[in-house]
């Protein structure tokens, strides 16, 4: 009997949990689900007799050790900063670890010890990072196999609302952790473009955008996603002229979000004074110049150079940032106040479906010619449990865990799925979940 222990039972873990419970019935696997709330853990397990609910609070090292000790495989769906904590417990108890998050320096530093103990710590096996790596490496290797030389690679992904349910002026709803959306981009962007290194600081990130179209889903805008340069070595693209990873939003989103950035209300580094006395209106006014002769709305527009009759202003008005409603208790930083408001307005409706959009662009030389290929994927959620986000984040990891427990993965150390032994079977398994890429050759343009 094998025991899978899953830390974290959020929305993006739902499809993975049910899949492992279902497969586990046939394979004699026990799946332990942990959550702060025992009721939530029980809810995720449902009627499966091979599921065990457990409570776990972040920072409870004793309970962490106890749960890891009884596992064969540990899955961390906790906030990223806790993965190294879980990883060290796995090293102590000789357990394998699976996550969907980026490999941090702290995690990378555990590689040698994990290898020495014959342990696999598989990371970046979700959607972005995850499916992006796997689908990109598959195509890169196919181009190389026919004699091509990659000179440019661009990869963009976005978690959005499906077109039929896109009914607010921001063309956006939360399909994953709201906090991550509010804090997105604060590390800025680094990439290589036509042989030149480019750096975009946070306060300029949402101004430096590109536009594209994806299949028949219309137009999208793109902002740079963190550090693309790391992936030159990961993908074996030394000598490449362009490498860029970005995030998709619908047109108009970045211009509006940039106003919040410039205003400073996405800052999470300090606590505001007397938040219990603030309304949303007084909160926004606190970030504007002192101009008592102007209304908050006019002061906002003048300070941020917005036409009050424009669609841009309508976005802010629709959010309710000028309303004299008290901000919820517990909000202490500017980012937390903004998040509380957005969670009200950008919440998925009871029947809404979400959408994951991904597109790679490959520029390469073949037989003396410059060529460009697009590889695009769109996944629409099935329902409010099997969302596109839950499917694409959780199922690559679930398939990897199944493969590992059936003896089909032999790798050890800190890994990401960029080798054929990992990406081929995972991508094949994802086809049953609607994850397929459509390839198009388009004219090359410099």
Protein backbone atom coordinates (compact mmCIF):
# COMPACT_ATOMS: atom_id res chain seq x y z
CA UNK A 1 0.00 0.00 0.00
CA UNK A 2 1.34 3.41 -1.02
CA UNK A 3 0.49 6.63 0.82
CA UNK A 4 0.32 9.95 -1.03
CA UNK A 5 0.22 12.96 1.31
CA UNK A 6 -1.03 16.20 -0.26
CA UNK A 7 -0.39 19.48 1.54
CA UNK A 8 -2.93 22.04 0.36
CA UNK A 9 -6.47 21.50 -0.84
CA UNK A 10 -7.17 24.67 -2.79
CA UNK A 11 -9.20 24.98 -5.99
CA UNK A 12 -6.25 24.22 -8.28
CA UNK A 13 -5.71 20.89 -6.50
CA UNK A 14 -9.29 19.61 -6.90
CA UNK A 15 -8.95 17.70 -10.17
CA UNK A 16 -5.60 16.19 -9.16
CA UNK A 17 -6.98 15.01 -5.81
CA UNK A 18 -9.98 13.29 -7.35
CA UNK A 19 -7.84 11.65 -10.05
CA UNK A 20 -5.36 10.23 -7.52
CA UNK A 21 -8.21 8.98 -5.34
CA UNK A 22 -9.80 7.27 -8.35
CA UNK A 23 -6.57 5.65 -9.57
CA UNK A 24 -5.68 4.86 -5.97
CA UNK A 25 -8.80 2.69 -5.59
CA UNK A 26 -7.42 0.33 -8.24
CA UNK A 27 -3.78 0.54 -7.18
CA UNK A 28 -4.30 0.26 -3.41
CA UNK A 29 -3.06 3.79 -2.72
CA UNK A 30 -4.12 5.85 0.28
CA UNK A 31 -4.41 9.59 -0.36
CA UNK A 32 -4.10 11.85 2.67
CA UNK A 33 -5.51 15.35 2.12
CA UNK A 34 -4.45 18.14 4.47
CA UNK A 35 -6.11 21.49 4.98
CA UNK A 36 -6.49 24.03 7.76
CA UNK A 37 -10.13 22.94 7.83
CA UNK A 38 -10.95 19.26 8.34
CA UNK A 39 -14.30 19.93 6.66
CA UNK A 40 -12.55 21.15 3.52
CA UNK A 41 -10.30 18.08 3.47
CA UNK A 42 -13.35 15.83 3.84
CA UNK A 43 -15.12 17.73 1.07
CA UNK A 44 -12.22 17.08 -1.32
CA UNK A 45 -12.27 13.37 -0.48
CA UNK A 46 -16.02 12.97 -0.92
CA UNK A 47 -17.11 9.32 -0.88
CA UNK A 48 -13.71 7.79 -1.62
CA UNK A 49 -12.87 5.23 1.05
CA UNK A 50 -9.11 5.48 0.33
CA UNK A 51 -8.93 9.15 1.35
CA UNK A 52 -7.82 10.33 4.78
CA UNK A 53 -8.55 13.93 5.90
CA UNK A 54 -6.03 15.69 8.12
CA UNK A 55 -5.71 19.19 9.52
CA UNK A 56 -2.48 21.09 8.98
CA UNK A 57 -1.58 24.69 9.83
CA UNK A 58 1.32 26.40 8.12
CA UNK A 59 4.27 26.49 10.51
CA UNK A 60 3.23 23.40 12.48
CA UNK A 61 6.57 21.61 12.09
CA UNK A 62 5.62 18.72 14.37
CA UNK A 63 2.53 17.86 12.29
CA UNK A 64 4.51 18.33 9.09
CA UNK A 65 7.12 15.80 10.23
CA UNK A 66 4.40 13.39 11.33
CA UNK A 67 2.59 13.50 7.99
CA UNK A 68 5.77 13.32 5.87
CA UNK A 69 7.07 10.36 7.87
CA UNK A 70 4.10 8.18 6.93
CA UNK A 71 4.16 9.13 3.22
CA UNK A 72 5.69 7.43 0.19
CA UNK A 73 5.13 10.51 -1.97
CA UNK A 74 4.62 14.06 -0.70
CA UNK A 75 2.79 16.69 -2.77
CA UNK A 76 3.13 20.35 -1.83
CA UNK A 77 0.42 22.67 -3.10
CA UNK A 78 1.26 25.17 -0.36
CA UNK A 79 2.44 28.75 -1.03
CA UNK A 80 5.81 28.58 -2.78
CA UNK A 81 7.89 29.81 0.15
CA UNK A 82 6.93 26.68 2.13
CA UNK A 83 8.19 24.17 -0.44
CA UNK A 84 11.78 24.18 0.88
CA UNK A 85 10.41 23.55 4.39
CA UNK A 86 8.51 20.52 3.12
CA UNK A 87 11.53 19.46 1.05
CA UNK A 88 13.83 19.43 4.07
CA UNK A 89 11.33 17.26 5.95
CA UNK A 90 11.30 14.93 2.93
CA UNK A 91 15.09 14.69 3.02
CA UNK A 92 15.01 13.90 6.73
CA UNK A 93 12.51 11.08 6.24
CA UNK A 94 13.69 9.90 2.77
CA UNK A 95 10.49 10.80 0.91
CA UNK A 96 9.91 11.91 -2.68
CA UNK A 97 8.41 15.37 -3.36
CA UNK A 98 6.22 16.75 -6.16
CA UNK A 99 5.27 20.44 -6.66
CA UNK A 100 3.95 22.71 -9.39
CA UNK A 101 6.01 25.75 -8.39
CA UNK A 102 9.21 27.31 -9.71
CA UNK A 103 12.48 25.88 -8.42
CA UNK A 104 13.75 28.39 -5.85
CA UNK A 105 17.45 28.77 -5.00
CA UNK A 106 16.68 27.06 -1.68
CA UNK A 107 15.15 24.09 -3.49
CA UNK A 108 17.95 23.91 -6.05
CA UNK A 109 20.49 23.74 -3.21
CA UNK A 110 18.96 20.41 -2.12
CA UNK A 111 19.74 18.67 -5.43
CA UNK A 112 22.94 16.89 -4.41
CA UNK A 113 21.48 15.56 -1.16
CA UNK A 114 18.31 14.37 -2.90
CA UNK A 115 20.39 12.53 -5.51
CA UNK A 116 22.60 10.98 -2.85
CA UNK A 117 19.49 9.58 -1.15
CA UNK A 118 17.92 8.44 -4.42
CA UNK A 119 14.99 10.85 -4.03
CA UNK A 120 13.06 12.66 -6.75
CA UNK A 121 12.02 16.26 -6.09
CA UNK A 122 9.95 17.10 -9.20
CA UNK A 123 9.05 20.78 -9.53
CA UNK A 124 7.46 23.07 -12.14
CA UNK A 125 5.01 20.36 -13.22
CA UNK A 126 1.83 22.42 -13.50
CA UNK A 127 0.75 24.73 -16.31
CA UNK A 128 3.08 27.74 -16.12
CA UNK A 129 5.53 26.48 -15.12
CA UNK A 130 4.94 22.98 -16.41
CA UNK A 131 2.98 22.44 -19.60
CA UNK A 132 4.84 25.42 -21.04
CA UNK A 133 8.21 23.67 -20.47
CA UNK A 134 7.03 20.30 -21.72
CA UNK A 135 5.33 21.50 -24.89
CA UNK A 136 8.21 23.87 -25.68
CA UNK A 137 10.89 21.21 -25.26
CA UNK A 138 8.92 18.74 -27.36
CA UNK A 139 8.76 21.22 -30.24
CA UNK A 140 12.37 22.41 -29.81
CA UNK A 141 13.58 18.81 -30.04
CA UNK A 142 11.39 18.19 -33.11
CA UNK A 143 12.88 21.24 -34.88
CA UNK A 144 16.41 20.13 -34.01
CA UNK A 145 15.68 16.60 -35.20
CA UNK A 146 14.97 17.89 -38.71
CA UNK A 147 18.15 19.98 -38.73
CA UNK A 148 16.80 23.35 -37.59
CA UNK A 149 18.64 25.83 -35.37
CA UNK A 150 16.49 27.79 -32.91
CA UNK A 151 17.24 31.54 -33.00
CA UNK A 152 14.18 32.86 -31.17
CA UNK A 153 11.69 31.52 -28.64
CA UNK A 154 8.72 33.33 -27.11
CA UNK A 155 6.20 31.73 -24.74
CA UNK A 156 3.09 33.36 -23.31
CA UNK A 157 0.40 32.01 -20.98
CA UNK A 158 -2.67 33.44 -19.31
CA UNK A 159 -5.43 32.28 -16.99
CA UNK A 160 -8.57 34.15 -18.11
CA UNK A 161 -12.33 33.92 -18.24
CA UNK A 162 -13.92 31.98 -21.11
CA UNK A 163 -15.37 34.33 -23.77
CA UNK A 164 -19.01 33.43 -23.06
CA UNK A 165 -18.60 34.56 -19.43
CA UNK A 166 -16.40 37.59 -20.07
CA UNK A 167 -18.90 40.19 -18.91
CA UNK A 168 -17.04 42.90 -17.00
CA UNK A 169 -15.10 45.92 -18.31
CA UNK A 170 -11.75 44.49 -17.16
CA UNK A 171 -12.29 41.30 -19.20
CA UNK A 172 -10.84 39.44 -16.25
CA UNK A 173 -11.92 37.32 -13.28
CA UNK A 174 -9.90 35.46 -10.68
CA UNK A 175 -9.15 31.93 -11.80
CA UNK A 176 -6.32 31.36 -9.31
CA UNK A 177 -4.82 32.86 -6.14
CA UNK A 178 -5.98 36.53 -6.00
CA UNK A 179 -2.95 37.59 -3.99
CA UNK A 180 -0.63 36.37 -6.74
CA UNK A 181 -2.55 38.42 -9.30
CA UNK A 182 -2.37 41.60 -7.21
CA UNK A 183 1.38 41.18 -6.64
CA UNK A 184 2.16 39.99 -10.18
CA UNK A 185 5.11 41.57 -11.90
CA UNK A 186 6.81 43.06 -8.86
CA UNK A 187 10.06 41.30 -9.75
CA UNK A 188 10.05 43.07 -13.12
CA UNK A 189 11.06 41.39 -16.36
CA UNK A 190 14.37 40.22 -17.85
CA UNK A 191 14.74 38.77 -21.33
CA UNK A 192 16.87 38.65 -24.48
CA UNK A 193 15.62 40.38 -27.61
CA UNK A 194 17.45 40.25 -30.95
CA UNK A 195 20.73 39.69 -29.16
CA UNK A 196 20.25 42.48 -26.60
CA UNK A 197 19.54 42.01 -22.90
CA UNK A 198 16.40 43.87 -21.82
CA UNK A 199 15.23 44.75 -18.32
CA UNK A 200 11.84 46.17 -17.37
CA UNK A 201 11.34 47.45 -13.80
CA UNK A 202 7.98 46.95 -12.13
CA UNK A 203 6.86 50.57 -12.55
CA UNK A 204 7.22 50.18 -16.34
CA UNK A 205 6.18 46.56 -16.76
CA UNK A 206 2.55 47.16 -17.70
CA UNK A 207 3.47 49.92 -20.16
CA UNK A 208 5.83 47.74 -22.22
CA UNK A 209 3.32 45.39 -23.75
CA UNK A 210 2.92 43.49 -27.02
CA UNK A 211 -0.25 42.33 -28.78
CA UNK A 212 -1.06 39.10 -30.59
CA UNK A 213 -3.92 36.84 -31.62
CA UNK A 214 -4.38 33.23 -30.55
CA UNK A 215 -6.26 30.84 -32.84
CA UNK A 216 -9.87 32.06 -33.12
CA UNK A 217 -9.99 33.56 -29.62
CA UNK A 218 -9.21 37.12 -30.65
CA UNK A 219 -6.62 39.59 -29.42
CA UNK A 220 -4.47 39.43 -26.31
CA UNK A 221 -1.85 41.70 -24.81
CA UNK A 222 1.35 40.44 -23.21
CA UNK A 223 3.54 41.69 -20.38
CA UNK A 224 6.94 40.22 -19.49
CA UNK A 225 6.95 37.41 -16.94
CA UNK A 226 9.87 37.49 -14.51
CA UNK A 227 13.29 36.21 -15.60
CA UNK A 228 13.25 34.61 -19.05
CA UNK A 229 17.04 34.36 -19.08
CA UNK A 230 17.02 31.40 -16.68
CA UNK A 231 15.47 29.26 -19.39
CA UNK A 232 18.32 29.61 -21.88
CA UNK A 233 20.23 26.88 -20.07
CA UNK A 234 17.12 24.95 -18.98
CA UNK A 235 16.02 24.58 -22.61
CA UNK A 236 19.57 24.18 -23.95
CA UNK A 237 19.27 27.37 -26.03
CA UNK A 238 22.76 28.78 -25.57
CA UNK A 239 23.50 31.24 -28.40
CA UNK A 240 19.83 32.08 -29.01
CA UNK A 241 19.07 35.66 -30.08
CA UNK A 242 15.61 36.06 -28.48
CA UNK A 243 14.01 34.45 -25.46
CA UNK A 244 10.91 35.93 -23.86
CA UNK A 245 8.25 34.59 -21.50
CA UNK A 246 5.10 36.62 -20.96
CA UNK A 247 1.62 36.69 -19.44
CA UNK A 248 -1.60 37.11 -21.46
CA UNK A 249 -4.37 39.54 -20.63
CA UNK A 250 -7.16 40.95 -22.78
CA UNK A 251 -6.50 44.35 -24.45
CA UNK A 252 -6.94 47.29 -22.09
CA UNK A 253 -6.20 45.39 -18.88
CA UNK A 254 -2.54 46.40 -18.64
CA UNK A 255 -3.19 50.11 -19.19
CA UNK A 256 -5.71 50.11 -16.35
CA UNK A 257 -3.66 47.93 -14.01
CA UNK A 258 -0.67 50.19 -14.58
CA UNK A 259 -2.62 53.05 -13.02
CA UNK A 260 -2.91 51.05 -9.80
CA UNK A 261 0.83 50.36 -9.94
CA UNK A 262 1.65 54.05 -10.46
CA UNK A 263 -0.71 55.01 -7.66
CA UNK A 264 1.03 52.59 -5.29
CA UNK A 265 -1.98 50.57 -4.18
CA UNK A 266 -0.40 47.23 -5.17
CA UNK A 267 2.31 47.72 -2.53
CA UNK A 268 2.41 44.95 0.09
CA UNK A 269 5.55 46.10 1.91
CA UNK A 270 4.01 48.27 4.66
CA UNK A 271 0.86 48.64 6.74
CA UNK A 272 -1.41 51.64 6.43
CA UNK A 273 -2.52 53.61 9.49
CA UNK A 274 -5.98 53.12 11.01
CA UNK A 275 -7.36 50.85 8.26
CA UNK A 276 -10.49 50.24 10.33
CA UNK A 277 -11.48 53.88 9.74
CA UNK A 278 -11.10 53.78 5.96
CA UNK A 279 -13.65 53.42 3.21
CA UNK A 280 -12.61 52.51 -0.32
CA UNK A 281 -13.10 56.16 -1.26
CA UNK A 282 -10.89 57.51 1.52
CA UNK A 283 -8.33 54.76 0.83
CA UNK A 284 -7.92 55.82 -2.80
CA UNK A 285 -7.92 59.48 -1.82
CA UNK A 286 -5.01 58.80 0.55
CA UNK A 287 -2.81 58.08 -2.48
CA UNK A 288 -3.78 61.26 -4.33
CA UNK A 289 -2.38 64.80 -3.98
CA UNK A 290 -4.15 67.12 -1.55
CA UNK A 291 -6.62 68.99 -3.76
CA UNK A 292 -9.70 69.83 -1.67
CA UNK A 293 -11.32 71.73 -4.51
CA UNK A 294 -11.57 68.56 -6.61
CA UNK A 295 -13.74 65.50 -6.12
CA UNK A 296 -11.89 62.26 -5.54
CA UNK A 297 -12.89 61.16 -9.02
CA UNK A 298 -11.57 64.33 -10.69
CA UNK A 299 -8.41 64.29 -8.60
CA UNK A 300 -7.86 60.64 -9.57
CA UNK A 301 -8.29 61.42 -13.27
CA UNK A 302 -6.13 64.52 -13.21
CA UNK A 303 -3.31 62.86 -11.27
CA UNK A 304 -3.25 59.76 -13.49
CA UNK A 305 -4.01 61.57 -16.76
CA UNK A 306 -7.32 59.82 -17.37
CA UNK A 307 -10.30 61.22 -19.31
CA UNK A 308 -13.31 60.90 -17.02
CA UNK A 309 -15.53 60.02 -19.97
CA UNK A 310 -13.23 57.25 -21.17
CA UNK A 311 -13.67 53.51 -21.01
CA UNK A 312 -10.53 53.45 -18.89
CA UNK A 313 -12.19 55.47 -16.14
CA UNK A 314 -15.31 53.28 -16.38
CA UNK A 315 -13.17 50.30 -15.35
CA UNK A 316 -12.27 51.96 -12.05
CA UNK A 317 -15.77 53.29 -11.47
CA UNK A 318 -17.22 49.80 -12.03
CA UNK A 319 -14.84 48.36 -9.41
CA UNK A 320 -16.33 50.62 -6.74
CA UNK A 321 -13.09 52.26 -5.59
CA UNK A 322 -14.91 55.57 -5.14
CA UNK A 323 -17.64 54.14 -2.94
CA UNK A 324 -17.92 55.17 0.72
CA UNK A 325 -18.05 51.55 1.92
CA UNK A 326 -15.84 50.44 4.80
CA UNK A 327 -12.93 48.24 3.78
CA UNK A 328 -13.11 44.71 5.24
CA UNK A 329 -11.44 44.05 8.57
CA UNK A 330 -8.04 42.42 8.42
CA UNK A 331 -6.78 44.49 5.49
CA UNK A 332 -3.54 46.13 6.54
CA UNK A 333 -1.42 46.77 3.45
CA UNK A 334 -2.47 48.68 0.32
CA UNK A 335 -2.34 45.45 -1.69
CA UNK A 336 -4.62 43.69 0.79
CA UNK A 337 -7.22 46.46 0.53
CA UNK A 338 -7.14 46.33 -3.26
CA UNK A 339 -7.36 42.54 -3.20
CA UNK A 340 -10.44 42.62 -0.96
CA UNK A 341 -12.23 44.85 -3.44
CA UNK A 342 -11.17 42.83 -6.47
CA UNK A 343 -12.27 39.58 -4.85
CA UNK A 344 -15.78 41.00 -4.72
CA UNK A 345 -15.83 42.20 -8.31
CA UNK A 346 -13.66 39.65 -10.13
CA UNK A 347 -15.21 36.58 -8.52
CA UNK A 348 -16.17 33.69 -10.78
CA UNK A 349 -19.93 33.33 -11.01
CA UNK A 350 -21.58 30.00 -10.04
CA UNK A 351 -21.81 28.94 -13.69
CA UNK A 352 -18.73 30.69 -15.09
CA UNK A 353 -16.07 28.73 -16.95
CA UNK A 354 -12.43 29.79 -17.10
CA UNK A 355 -9.85 29.50 -19.85
CA UNK A 356 -6.10 28.84 -20.10
CA UNK A 357 -4.38 30.25 -23.17
CA UNK A 358 -0.81 29.37 -24.13
CA UNK A 359 1.19 30.16 -27.25
CA UNK A 360 4.81 29.48 -28.20
CA UNK A 361 6.62 31.15 -31.08
CA UNK A 362 9.64 29.35 -32.54
CA UNK A 363 11.99 31.16 -34.93
CA UNK A 364 14.58 28.91 -36.53
CA UNK A 365 16.92 28.43 -39.48
CA UNK A 366 16.43 25.38 -41.68
CA UNK A 367 18.20 24.74 -44.99
CA UNK A 368 19.34 28.36 -45.11
CA UNK A 369 15.81 29.76 -44.62
CA UNK A 370 14.34 31.64 -41.66
CA UNK A 371 11.07 30.11 -40.50
CA UNK A 372 8.50 30.76 -37.80
CA UNK A 373 6.06 28.35 -36.19
CA UNK A 374 3.32 29.01 -33.66
CA UNK A 375 2.14 26.35 -31.24
CA UNK A 376 -1.08 27.30 -29.45
CA UNK A 377 -3.33 25.77 -26.82
CA UNK A 378 -6.66 26.86 -25.36
CA UNK A 379 -8.35 24.88 -22.59
CA UNK A 380 -11.85 25.74 -21.35
CA UNK A 381 -12.92 24.59 -17.89
CA UNK A 382 -15.45 21.78 -17.66
CA UNK A 383 -17.27 23.11 -14.60
CA UNK A 384 -16.59 25.10 -11.43
CA UNK A 385 -14.57 22.22 -9.92
CA UNK A 386 -12.71 20.96 -12.97
CA UNK A 387 -11.71 24.45 -14.01
CA UNK A 388 -9.18 24.98 -16.78
CA UNK A 389 -6.78 26.12 -14.06
CA UNK A 390 -7.37 23.03 -11.91
CA UNK A 391 -6.96 20.73 -14.90
CA UNK A 392 -3.79 22.30 -16.26
CA UNK A 393 -2.14 22.92 -12.88
CA UNK A 394 -3.05 19.68 -11.14
CA UNK A 395 -3.25 16.99 -13.79
CA UNK A 396 0.37 17.11 -15.07
CA UNK A 397 1.46 16.54 -11.48
CA UNK A 398 -1.13 13.79 -10.97
CA UNK A 399 0.07 11.95 -14.09
CA UNK A 400 3.70 12.32 -12.98
CA UNK A 401 2.86 10.88 -9.54
CA UNK A 402 1.00 7.96 -11.13
CA UNK A 403 3.95 7.24 -13.43
CA UNK A 404 6.39 7.41 -10.53
CA UNK A 405 4.44 5.08 -8.27
CA UNK A 406 4.14 2.61 -11.16
CA UNK A 407 7.92 2.64 -11.60
CA UNK A 408 7.98 4.55 -14.89
CA UNK A 409 10.16 7.45 -13.67
CA UNK A 410 13.71 6.71 -12.53
CA UNK A 411 15.08 10.26 -12.19
CA UNK A 412 16.50 11.55 -8.91
CA UNK A 413 17.44 14.98 -7.58
CA UNK A 414 15.72 18.34 -8.09
CA UNK A 415 14.11 18.11 -11.54
CA UNK A 416 11.72 19.88 -13.87
CA UNK A 417 9.96 18.05 -16.74
CA UNK A 418 12.14 19.06 -19.71
CA UNK A 419 13.37 15.62 -20.74
CA UNK A 420 11.45 13.23 -23.05
CA UNK A 421 11.07 10.54 -20.38
CA UNK A 422 8.94 13.03 -18.44
CA UNK A 423 7.25 15.27 -20.97
CA UNK A 424 6.23 12.66 -23.55
CA UNK A 425 3.96 10.55 -21.28
CA UNK A 426 2.64 13.56 -19.33
CA UNK A 427 1.63 15.42 -22.50
CA UNK A 428 0.11 12.23 -23.92
CA UNK A 429 -1.96 11.83 -20.75
CA UNK A 430 -3.09 15.46 -20.86
CA UNK A 431 -4.79 14.96 -24.24
CA UNK A 432 -7.66 13.24 -22.42
CA UNK A 433 -8.13 16.53 -20.56
CA UNK A 434 -8.30 18.68 -23.69
CA UNK A 435 -4.68 19.83 -23.60
CA UNK A 436 -3.50 19.75 -27.21
CA UNK A 437 -1.39 22.17 -29.20
CA UNK A 438 -2.23 23.40 -32.70
CA UNK A 439 0.85 24.15 -34.80
CA UNK A 440 0.89 26.75 -37.57
CA UNK A 441 3.68 27.91 -39.85
CA UNK A 442 3.46 31.69 -40.37
CA UNK A 443 5.68 34.11 -42.28
CA UNK A 444 8.89 34.95 -40.46
CA UNK A 445 9.27 38.61 -39.59
CA UNK A 446 12.19 40.33 -37.91
